[in-house]
């Protein structure tokens, strides 16, 4: 984590996303950029698994 322009920035690589999604069904991970600075972001879609 670090601070940039008053915002706390977190780094989540694919392995960390998959680790944090444990117990959920990981539907999609889509990379995109946003804003003035080159910001690489990930949109993560997951759901509670069906029983």
PDB file of N, CA and C in Angstrom:
ATOM      1  N   UNK A   1       0.837  -1.183   0.000  1.00  0.00           N
ATOM      2  CA  UNK A   1       0.000   0.000   0.000  1.00  0.00           C
ATOM      3  C   UNK A   1       0.880   1.244   0.000  1.00  0.00           C
ATOM      4  N   UNK A   2       0.398   2.277  -0.644  1.00  0.00           N
ATOM      5  CA  UNK A   2       1.049   3.564  -0.555  1.00  0.00           C
ATOM      6  C   UNK A   2       0.000   4.653  -0.778  1.00  0.00           C
ATOM      7  N   UNK A   3       0.360   5.884  -0.446  1.00  0.00           N
ATOM      8  CA  UNK A   3      -0.562   7.007  -0.612  1.00  0.00           C
ATOM      9  C   UNK A   3      -0.206   7.766  -1.871  1.00  0.00           C
ATOM     10  N   UNK A   4      -1.224   8.124  -2.645  1.00  0.00           N
ATOM     11  CA  UNK A   4      -1.015   8.917  -3.851  1.00  0.00           C
ATOM     12  C   UNK A   4      -2.175   9.897  -3.986  1.00  0.00           C
ATOM     13  N   UNK A   5      -1.886  11.168  -3.868  1.00  0.00           N
ATOM     14  CA  UNK A   5      -2.921  12.188  -4.007  1.00  0.00           C
ATOM     15  C   UNK A   5      -4.019  12.077  -2.969  1.00  0.00           C
ATOM     16  N   UNK A   6      -3.668  11.627  -1.768  1.00  0.00           N
ATOM     17  CA  UNK A   6      -4.656  11.503  -0.705  1.00  0.00           C
ATOM     18  C   UNK A   6      -5.430  10.193  -0.713  1.00  0.00           C
ATOM     19  N   UNK A   7      -5.107   9.316  -1.655  1.00  0.00           N
ATOM     20  CA  UNK A   7      -5.777   8.018  -1.744  1.00  0.00           C
ATOM     21  C   UNK A   7      -4.803   6.908  -1.375  1.00  0.00           C
ATOM     22  N   UNK A   8      -5.283   5.903  -0.696  1.00  0.00           N
ATOM     23  CA  UNK A   8      -4.479   4.730  -0.382  1.00  0.00           C
ATOM     24  C   UNK A   8      -4.597   3.762  -1.557  1.00  0.00           C
ATOM     25  N   UNK A   9      -3.466   3.376  -2.095  1.00  0.00           N
ATOM     26  CA  UNK A   9      -3.425   2.481  -3.252  1.00  0.00           C
ATOM     27  C   UNK A   9      -3.001   1.095  -2.781  1.00  0.00           C
ATOM     28  N   UNK A  10      -3.743   0.070  -3.196  1.00  0.00           N
ATOM     29  CA  UNK A  10      -3.442  -1.322  -2.858  1.00  0.00           C
ATOM     30  C   UNK A  10      -3.043  -2.050  -4.135  1.00  0.00           C
ATOM     31  N   UNK A  11      -2.109  -2.965  -4.021  1.00  0.00           N
ATOM     32  CA  UNK A  11      -1.715  -3.788  -5.156  1.00  0.00           C
ATOM     33  C   UNK A  11      -2.320  -5.169  -4.993  1.00  0.00           C
ATOM     34  N   UNK A  12      -3.104  -5.596  -5.950  1.00  0.00           N
ATOM     35  CA  UNK A  12      -3.721  -6.908  -5.948  1.00  0.00           C
ATOM     36  C   UNK A  12      -3.317  -7.602  -7.239  1.00  0.00           C
ATOM     37  N   UNK A  13      -2.408  -8.556  -7.156  1.00  0.00           N
ATOM     38  CA  UNK A  13      -2.098  -9.330  -8.349  1.00  0.00           C
ATOM     39  C   UNK A  13      -3.108 -10.470  -8.463  1.00  0.00           C
ATOM     40  N   UNK A  14      -3.053 -11.217  -9.559  1.00  0.00           N
ATOM     41  CA  UNK A  14      -4.044 -12.271  -9.801  1.00  0.00           C
ATOM     42  C   UNK A  14      -4.037 -13.308  -8.674  1.00  0.00           C
ATOM     43  N   UNK A  15      -2.852 -13.677  -8.199  1.00  0.00           N
ATOM     44  CA  UNK A  15      -2.766 -14.677  -7.127  1.00  0.00           C
ATOM     45  C   UNK A  15      -3.462 -14.182  -5.858  1.00  0.00           C
ATOM     46  N   UNK A  16      -3.295 -12.908  -5.508  1.00  0.00           N
ATOM     47  CA  UNK A  16      -3.945 -12.361  -4.313  1.00  0.00           C
ATOM     48  C   UNK A  16      -5.457 -12.292  -4.506  1.00  0.00           C
ATOM     49  N   UNK A  17      -5.896 -11.927  -5.692  1.00  0.00           N
ATOM     50  CA  UNK A  17      -7.341 -11.896  -5.965  1.00  0.00           C
ATOM     51  C   UNK A  17      -7.933 -13.289  -5.770  1.00  0.00           C
ATOM     52  N   UNK A  18      -7.271 -14.296  -6.319  1.00  0.00           N
ATOM     53  CA  UNK A  18      -7.765 -15.664  -6.179  1.00  0.00           C
ATOM     54  C   UNK A  18      -7.755 -16.111  -4.712  1.00  0.00           C
ATOM     55  N   UNK A  19      -6.729 -15.713  -3.972  1.00  0.00           N
ATOM     56  CA  UNK A  19      -6.663 -16.054  -2.543  1.00  0.00           C
ATOM     57  C   UNK A  19      -7.811 -15.398  -1.769  1.00  0.00           C
ATOM     58  N   UNK A  20      -8.056 -14.126  -2.023  1.00  0.00           N
ATOM     59  CA  UNK A  20      -9.121 -13.399  -1.325  1.00  0.00           C
ATOM     60  C   UNK A  20     -10.508 -13.893  -1.727  1.00  0.00           C
ATOM     61  N   UNK A  21     -10.616 -14.490  -2.905  1.00  0.00           N
ATOM     62  CA  UNK A  21     -11.897 -15.000  -3.386  1.00  0.00           C
ATOM     63  C   UNK A  21     -12.191 -16.412  -2.886  1.00  0.00           C
ATOM     64  N   UNK A  22     -11.326 -16.961  -2.053  1.00  0.00           N
ATOM     65  CA  UNK A  22     -11.543 -18.314  -1.532  1.00  0.00           C
ATOM     66  C   UNK A  22     -12.901 -18.393  -0.852  1.00  0.00           C
ATOM     67  N   UNK A  23     -13.662 -19.407  -1.207  1.00  0.00           N
ATOM     68  CA  UNK A  23     -14.999 -19.572  -0.652  1.00  0.00           C
ATOM     69  C   UNK A  23     -16.082 -18.970  -1.533  1.00  0.00           C
ATOM     70  N   UNK A  24     -15.683 -18.231  -2.575  1.00  0.00           N
ATOM     71  CA  UNK A  24     -16.617 -17.647  -3.527  1.00  0.00           C
ATOM     72  C   UNK A  24     -16.365 -18.262  -4.898  1.00  0.00           C
ATOM     73  N   UNK A  25     -17.330 -18.137  -5.777  1.00  0.00           N
ATOM     74  CA  UNK A  25     -17.153 -18.546  -7.164  1.00  0.00           C
ATOM     75  C   UNK A  25     -16.624 -17.334  -7.932  1.00  0.00           C
ATOM     76  N   UNK A  26     -15.414 -17.419  -8.432  1.00  0.00           N
ATOM     77  CA  UNK A  26     -14.804 -16.319  -9.175  1.00  0.00           C
ATOM     78  C   UNK A  26     -15.316 -16.366 -10.604  1.00  0.00           C
ATOM     79  N   UNK A  27     -16.121 -15.385 -10.972  1.00  0.00           N
ATOM     80  CA  UNK A  27     -16.778 -15.358 -12.277  1.00  0.00           C
ATOM     81  C   UNK A  27     -15.874 -14.729 -13.332  1.00  0.00           C
ATOM     82  N   UNK A  28     -15.274 -13.568 -13.010  1.00  0.00           N
ATOM     83  CA  UNK A  28     -14.494 -12.852 -14.011  1.00  0.00           C
ATOM     84  C   UNK A  28     -13.518 -11.898 -13.339  1.00  0.00           C
ATOM     85  N   UNK A  29     -12.360 -11.729 -13.957  1.00  0.00           N
ATOM     86  CA  UNK A  29     -11.398 -10.700 -13.581  1.00  0.00           C
ATOM     87  C   UNK A  29     -11.026  -9.984 -14.871  1.00  0.00           C
ATOM     88  N   UNK A  30     -11.404  -8.711 -14.993  1.00  0.00           N
ATOM     89  CA  UNK A  30     -11.153  -7.924 -16.197  1.00  0.00           C
ATOM     90  C   UNK A  30     -10.242  -6.757 -15.865  1.00  0.00           C
ATOM     91  N   UNK A  31      -9.151  -6.624 -16.592  1.00  0.00           N
ATOM     92  CA  UNK A  31      -8.242  -5.494 -16.414  1.00  0.00           C
ATOM     93  C   UNK A  31      -8.730  -4.300 -17.220  1.00  0.00           C
ATOM     94  N   UNK A  32      -8.568  -3.090 -16.655  1.00  0.00           N
ATOM     95  CA  UNK A  32      -8.906  -1.859 -17.375  1.00  0.00           C
ATOM     96  C   UNK A  32      -8.113  -0.711 -16.789  1.00  0.00           C
ATOM     97  N   UNK A  33      -8.107   0.432 -17.463  1.00  0.00           N
ATOM     98  CA  UNK A  33      -7.434   1.632 -16.970  1.00  0.00           C
ATOM     99  C   UNK A  33      -8.478   2.728 -16.794  1.00  0.00           C
ATOM    100  N   UNK A  34      -8.152   3.696 -15.903  1.00  0.00           N
ATOM    101  CA  UNK A  34      -9.106   4.749 -15.608  1.00  0.00           C
ATOM    102  C   UNK A  34      -8.360   5.981 -15.104  1.00  0.00           C
ATOM    103  N   UNK A  35      -8.875   7.154 -15.410  1.00  0.00           N
ATOM    104  CA  UNK A  35      -8.340   8.391 -14.855  1.00  0.00           C
ATOM    105  C   UNK A  35      -7.201   8.986 -15.657  1.00  0.00           C
ATOM    106  N   UNK A  36      -6.690  10.109 -15.141  1.00  0.00           N
ATOM    107  CA  UNK A  36      -5.631  10.849 -15.823  1.00  0.00           C
ATOM    108  C   UNK A  36      -4.312  10.098 -15.817  1.00  0.00           C
ATOM    109  N   UNK A  37      -3.971   9.528 -14.676  1.00  0.00           N
ATOM    110  CA  UNK A  37      -2.739   8.763 -14.592  1.00  0.00           C
ATOM    111  C   UNK A  37      -2.984   7.373 -15.159  1.00  0.00           C
ATOM    112  N   UNK A  38      -1.968   6.735 -15.653  1.00  0.00           N
ATOM    113  CA  UNK A  38      -2.188   5.349 -16.103  1.00  0.00           C
ATOM    114  C   UNK A  38      -2.434   4.441 -14.904  1.00  0.00           C
ATOM    115  N   UNK A  39      -3.678   4.172 -14.639  1.00  0.00           N
ATOM    116  CA  UNK A  39      -4.062   3.334 -13.506  1.00  0.00           C
ATOM    117  C   UNK A  39      -4.548   1.992 -14.033  1.00  0.00           C
ATOM    118  N   UNK A  40      -3.823   0.964 -13.703  1.00  0.00           N
ATOM    119  CA  UNK A  40      -4.245  -0.390 -14.067  1.00  0.00           C
ATOM    120  C   UNK A  40      -5.115  -0.921 -12.938  1.00  0.00           C
ATOM    121  N   UNK A  41      -6.362  -1.194 -13.259  1.00  0.00           N
ATOM    122  CA  UNK A  41      -7.326  -1.658 -12.274  1.00  0.00           C
ATOM    123  C   UNK A  41      -7.868  -3.019 -12.689  1.00  0.00           C
ATOM    124  N   UNK A  42      -8.512  -3.673 -11.768  1.00  0.00           N
ATOM    125  CA  UNK A  42      -9.155  -4.950 -12.068  1.00  0.00           C
ATOM    126  C   UNK A  42     -10.588  -4.903 -11.569  1.00  0.00           C
ATOM    127  N   UNK A  43     -11.492  -5.307 -12.423  1.00  0.00           N
ATOM    128  CA  UNK A  43     -12.897  -5.441 -12.045  1.00  0.00           C
ATOM    129  C   UNK A  43     -13.102  -6.920 -11.735  1.00  0.00           C
ATOM    130  N   UNK A  44     -13.474  -7.216 -10.504  1.00  0.00           N
ATOM    131  CA  UNK A  44     -13.613  -8.602 -10.058  1.00  0.00           C
ATOM    132  C   UNK A  44     -15.080  -8.902  -9.812  1.00  0.00           C
ATOM    133  N   UNK A  45     -15.571  -9.972 -10.450  1.00  0.00           N
ATOM    134  CA  UNK A  45     -16.948 -10.405 -10.272  1.00  0.00           C
ATOM    135  C   UNK A  45     -16.932 -11.796  -9.654  1.00  0.00           C
ATOM    136  N   UNK A  46     -17.597 -11.944  -8.513  1.00  0.00           N
ATOM    137  CA  UNK A  46     -17.689 -13.244  -7.865  1.00  0.00           C
ATOM    138  C   UNK A  46     -19.038 -13.346  -7.164  1.00  0.00           C
ATOM    139  N   UNK A  47     -19.379 -14.562  -6.785  1.00  0.00           N
ATOM    140  CA  UNK A  47     -20.646 -14.769  -6.073  1.00  0.00           C
ATOM    141  C   UNK A  47     -20.487 -15.908  -5.079  1.00  0.00           C
ATOM    142  N   UNK A  48     -21.427 -15.938  -4.163  1.00  0.00           N
ATOM    143  CA  UNK A  48     -21.470 -17.016  -3.187  1.00  0.00           C
ATOM    144  C   UNK A  48     -21.845 -18.281  -3.949  1.00  0.00           C
ATOM    145  N   UNK A  49     -21.113 -19.371  -3.755  1.00  0.00           N
ATOM    146  CA  UNK A  49     -21.447 -20.600  -4.487  1.00  0.00           C
ATOM    147  C   UNK A  49     -22.833 -21.117  -4.126  1.00  0.00           C
ATOM    148  N   UNK A  50     -23.481 -21.694  -5.116  1.00  0.00           N
ATOM    149  CA  UNK A  50     -24.810 -22.267  -4.892  1.00  0.00           C
ATOM    150  C   UNK A  50     -24.668 -23.617  -4.225  1.00  0.00           C
ATOM    151  N   UNK A  51     -25.573 -23.886  -3.314  1.00  0.00           N
ATOM    152  CA  UNK A  51     -25.539 -25.168  -2.590  1.00  0.00           C
ATOM    153  C   UNK A  51     -26.277 -26.247  -3.330  1.00  0.00           C
TER     154      UNK A  51
END
